[in-house]
C-alpha atoms as a PDB file:
ATOM      1  CA  MET A   1     -17.620 -20.714  -1.350  1.00  0.00           C
ATOM      2  CA  SER A   2     -18.807 -18.767   1.637  1.00  0.00           C
ATOM      3  CA  ALA A   3     -17.272 -15.867   3.598  1.00  0.00           C
ATOM      4  CA  LEU A   4     -15.535 -16.821   6.771  1.00  0.00           C
ATOM      5  CA  ALA A   5     -15.848 -14.631   9.870  1.00  0.00           C
ATOM      6  CA  SER A   6     -13.241 -14.731  12.594  1.00  0.00           C
ATOM      7  CA  PRO A   7     -13.930 -14.117  16.263  1.00  0.00           C
ATOM      8  CA  ARG A   8     -14.168 -10.556  17.485  1.00  0.00           C
ATOM      9  CA  VAL A   9     -10.807  -8.880  18.073  1.00  0.00           C
ATOM     10  CA  GLY A  10     -10.070  -6.081  20.492  1.00  0.00           C
ATOM     11  CA  SER A  11     -10.548  -5.016  24.117  1.00  0.00           C
ATOM     12  CA  ALA A  12     -13.764  -4.196  25.949  1.00  0.00           C
ATOM     13  CA  LYS A  13     -13.193  -0.474  25.205  1.00  0.00           C
ATOM     14  CA  THR A  14     -12.423  -0.852  21.481  1.00  0.00           C
ATOM     15  CA  LEU A  15     -14.217  -3.858  20.015  1.00  0.00           C
ATOM     16  CA  ASN A  16     -13.561  -4.463  16.364  1.00  0.00           C
ATOM     17  CA  GLU A  17     -14.738  -7.152  14.129  1.00  0.00           C
ATOM     18  CA  ILE A  18     -12.507  -8.654  11.369  1.00  0.00           C
ATOM     19  CA  MET A  19     -14.210 -10.513   8.564  1.00  0.00           C
ATOM     20  CA  PHE A  20     -12.530 -12.517   5.851  1.00  0.00           C
ATOM     21  CA  GLN A  21     -14.396 -12.736   2.583  1.00  0.00           C
ATOM     22  CA  ARG A  22     -13.415 -14.771  -0.525  1.00  0.00           C
ATOM     23  CA  ILE A  23     -13.592 -12.338  -3.341  1.00  0.00           C
ATOM     24  CA  ALA A  24     -11.320 -13.961  -5.923  1.00  0.00           C
ATOM     25  CA  VAL A  25     -10.964 -17.329  -7.524  1.00  0.00           C
ATOM     26  CA  THR A  26     -14.578 -18.256  -6.974  1.00  0.00           C
ATOM     27  CA  LEU A  27     -16.222 -20.911  -9.064  1.00  0.00           C
ATOM     28  CA  LYS A  28     -18.234 -18.248 -10.918  1.00  0.00           C
ATOM     29  CA  GLN A  29     -14.956 -16.373 -11.802  1.00  0.00           C
ATOM     30  CA  ILE A  30     -13.280 -19.550 -12.890  1.00  0.00           C
ATOM     31  CA  GLU A  31     -16.057 -20.160 -15.327  1.00  0.00           C
ATOM     32  CA  GLN A  32     -16.791 -16.609 -16.439  1.00  0.00           C
ATOM     33  CA  TRP A  33     -13.127 -15.458 -16.755  1.00  0.00           C
ATOM     34  CA  ASN A  34     -12.043 -18.872 -18.242  1.00  0.00           C
ATOM     35  CA  LEU A  35      -9.216 -19.206 -15.610  1.00  0.00           C
ATOM     36  CA  PRO A  36      -6.770 -22.029 -16.142  1.00  0.00           C
ATOM     37  CA  THR A  37      -7.310 -24.932 -13.763  1.00  0.00           C
ATOM     38  CA  ARG A  38      -5.195 -27.955 -12.755  1.00  0.00           C
ATOM     39  CA  PRO A  39      -5.964 -31.006 -10.655  1.00  0.00           C
ATOM     40  CA  THR A  40      -5.474 -30.424  -6.964  1.00  0.00           C
ATOM     41  CA  LYS A  41      -2.486 -32.283  -5.523  1.00  0.00           C
ATOM     42  CA  ALA A  42      -3.813 -34.880  -3.029  1.00  0.00           C
ATOM     43  CA  THR A  43      -0.416 -34.892  -1.289  1.00  0.00           C
ATOM     44  CA  ASP A  44      -0.587 -31.175  -0.375  1.00  0.00           C
ATOM     45  CA  THR A  45      -1.961 -31.027   3.194  1.00  0.00           C
ATOM     46  CA  ARG A  46      -3.198 -27.489   2.657  1.00  0.00           C
ATOM     47  CA  SER A  47      -5.529 -28.674  -0.147  1.00  0.00           C
ATOM     48  CA  LYS A  48      -8.084 -30.607   1.913  1.00  0.00           C
ATOM     49  CA  ASP A  49     -10.921 -28.051   1.239  1.00  0.00           C
ATOM     50  CA  PHE A  50      -9.868 -27.105  -2.340  1.00  0.00           C
ATOM     51  CA  GLY A  51     -11.965 -29.606  -4.183  1.00  0.00           C
ATOM     52  CA  ASP A  52     -10.926 -31.341  -7.404  1.00  0.00           C
ATOM     53  CA  ILE A  53      -9.473 -28.370  -9.218  1.00  0.00           C
ATOM     54  CA  SER A  54      -7.028 -25.585  -8.274  1.00  0.00           C
ATOM     55  CA  VAL A  55      -6.473 -22.158  -9.704  1.00  0.00           C
ATOM     56  CA  GLU A  56      -3.590 -19.834  -9.091  1.00  0.00           C
ATOM     57  CA  LEU A  57      -4.464 -16.284  -7.944  1.00  0.00           C
ATOM     58  CA  ASP A  58      -1.849 -15.081 -10.486  1.00  0.00           C
ATOM     59  CA  ALA A  59      -4.222 -16.277 -13.218  1.00  0.00           C
ATOM     60  CA  ILE A  60      -6.373 -13.178 -12.666  1.00  0.00           C
ATOM     61  CA  ASP A  61      -5.341 -10.009 -14.496  1.00  0.00           C
ATOM     62  CA  PRO A  62      -3.639  -7.680 -11.953  1.00  0.00           C
ATOM     63  CA  ASN A  63      -5.837  -4.738 -12.875  1.00  0.00           C
ATOM     64  CA  ARG A  64      -8.997  -6.810 -12.542  1.00  0.00           C
ATOM     65  CA  LEU A  65      -7.820  -8.133  -9.148  1.00  0.00           C
ATOM     66  CA  ARG A  66      -6.837  -4.617  -7.920  1.00  0.00           C
ATOM     67  CA  ASN A  67     -10.308  -3.271  -8.920  1.00  0.00           C
ATOM     68  CA  LEU A  68     -12.010  -6.237  -7.241  1.00  0.00           C
ATOM     69  CA  VAL A  69     -10.122  -5.561  -3.972  1.00  0.00           C
ATOM     70  CA  GLN A  70     -10.784  -1.820  -4.124  1.00  0.00           C
ATOM     71  CA  GLU A  71     -14.519  -2.239  -4.786  1.00  0.00           C
ATOM     72  CA  THR A  72     -14.862  -4.747  -1.959  1.00  0.00           C
ATOM     73  CA  ILE A  73     -13.082  -2.470   0.548  1.00  0.00           C
ATOM     74  CA  GLU A  74     -15.056   0.539  -0.520  1.00  0.00           C
ATOM     75  CA  GLN A  75     -18.345  -1.122  -0.025  1.00  0.00           C
ATOM     76  CA  HIS A  76     -17.556  -1.511   3.663  1.00  0.00           C
ATOM     77  CA  LEU A  77     -16.610   2.178   4.186  1.00  0.00           C
ATOM     78  CA  PRO A  78     -19.124   4.931   5.156  1.00  0.00           C
ATOM     79  CA  ALA A  79     -19.636   6.726   1.870  1.00  0.00           C
ATOM     80  CA  GLN A  80     -19.437  10.232   3.270  1.00  0.00           C
ATOM     81  CA  ARG A  81     -16.264   9.602   5.203  1.00  0.00           C
ATOM     82  CA  PHE A  82     -14.750   7.828   2.257  1.00  0.00           C
ATOM     83  CA  GLU A  83     -15.414  10.746  -0.067  1.00  0.00           C
ATOM     84  CA  ALA A  84     -13.732  13.185   2.468  1.00  0.00           C
ATOM     85  CA  LEU A  85     -10.755  10.876   2.688  1.00  0.00           C
ATOM     86  CA  LYS A  86     -10.440  10.685  -1.035  1.00  0.00           C
ATOM     87  CA  ALA A  87     -10.600  14.595  -1.280  1.00  0.00           C
ATOM     88  CA  ALA A  88      -7.966  14.964   1.365  1.00  0.00           C
ATOM     89  CA  GLU A  89      -5.711  12.401  -0.430  1.00  0.00           C
ATOM     90  CA  GLU A  90      -6.144  14.282  -3.730  1.00  0.00           C
ATOM     91  CA  SER A  91      -5.203  17.623  -2.091  1.00  0.00           C
ATOM     92  CA  GLU A  92      -2.063  16.061  -0.563  1.00  0.00           C
ATOM     93  CA  ARG A  93      -0.931  14.970  -3.953  1.00  0.00           C
ATOM     94  CA  ASP A  94      -0.706  18.609  -4.953  1.00  0.00           C
ATOM     95  CA  LEU A  95       1.680  19.519  -2.099  1.00  0.00           C
ATOM     96  CA  PRO A  96       5.396  19.487  -2.729  1.00  0.00           C
ATOM     97  CA  SER A  97       7.105  16.429  -1.311  1.00  0.00           C
ATOM     98  CA  CYS A  98      10.412  16.604   0.482  1.00  0.00           C
ATOM     99  CA  ASN A  99      10.959  12.924  -0.356  1.00  0.00           C
ATOM    100  CA  ARG A 100      11.280  13.780  -4.061  1.00  0.00           C
ATOM    101  CA  LEU A 101      14.208  16.223  -3.429  1.00  0.00           C
ATOM    102  CA  PRO A 102      17.887  15.172  -3.541  1.00  0.00           C
ATOM    103  CA  PRO A 103      19.305  14.438  -0.049  1.00  0.00           C
ATOM    104  CA  THR A 104      21.367  17.723  -0.227  1.00  0.00           C
ATOM    105  CA  ALA A 105      18.333  19.914  -0.829  1.00  0.00           C
ATOM    106  CA  ARG A 106      16.298  21.462   1.949  1.00  0.00           C
ATOM    107  CA  CYS A 107      12.607  21.357   2.022  1.00  0.00           C
ATOM    108  CA  ALA A 108      10.604  24.439   3.006  1.00  0.00           C
ATOM    109  CA  LYS A 109       8.128  23.518   5.692  1.00  0.00           C
END
């Protein structure tokens, strides 16, 4: 199962490329993770490219799926900028949050 790339999206000034990549429910994962399969419904018009078997995404452990998505996103980010972003996010966690206070309380800004 190959990755599918969409056309470029954006204006002449800000040209961005969006890529869609299958990272879950691959044949390799179905075999290695022993995911439950079922026959593909021939009557489902969406299933023309599914093949003979179908697997629900829900069959993958949520933590495994979350890690898979995170790793895939991170491999496309510039390492130095990503590390700076993670550090900023960590420092923001230490700041008091006005959202955690009761509606009648006032937050010092």
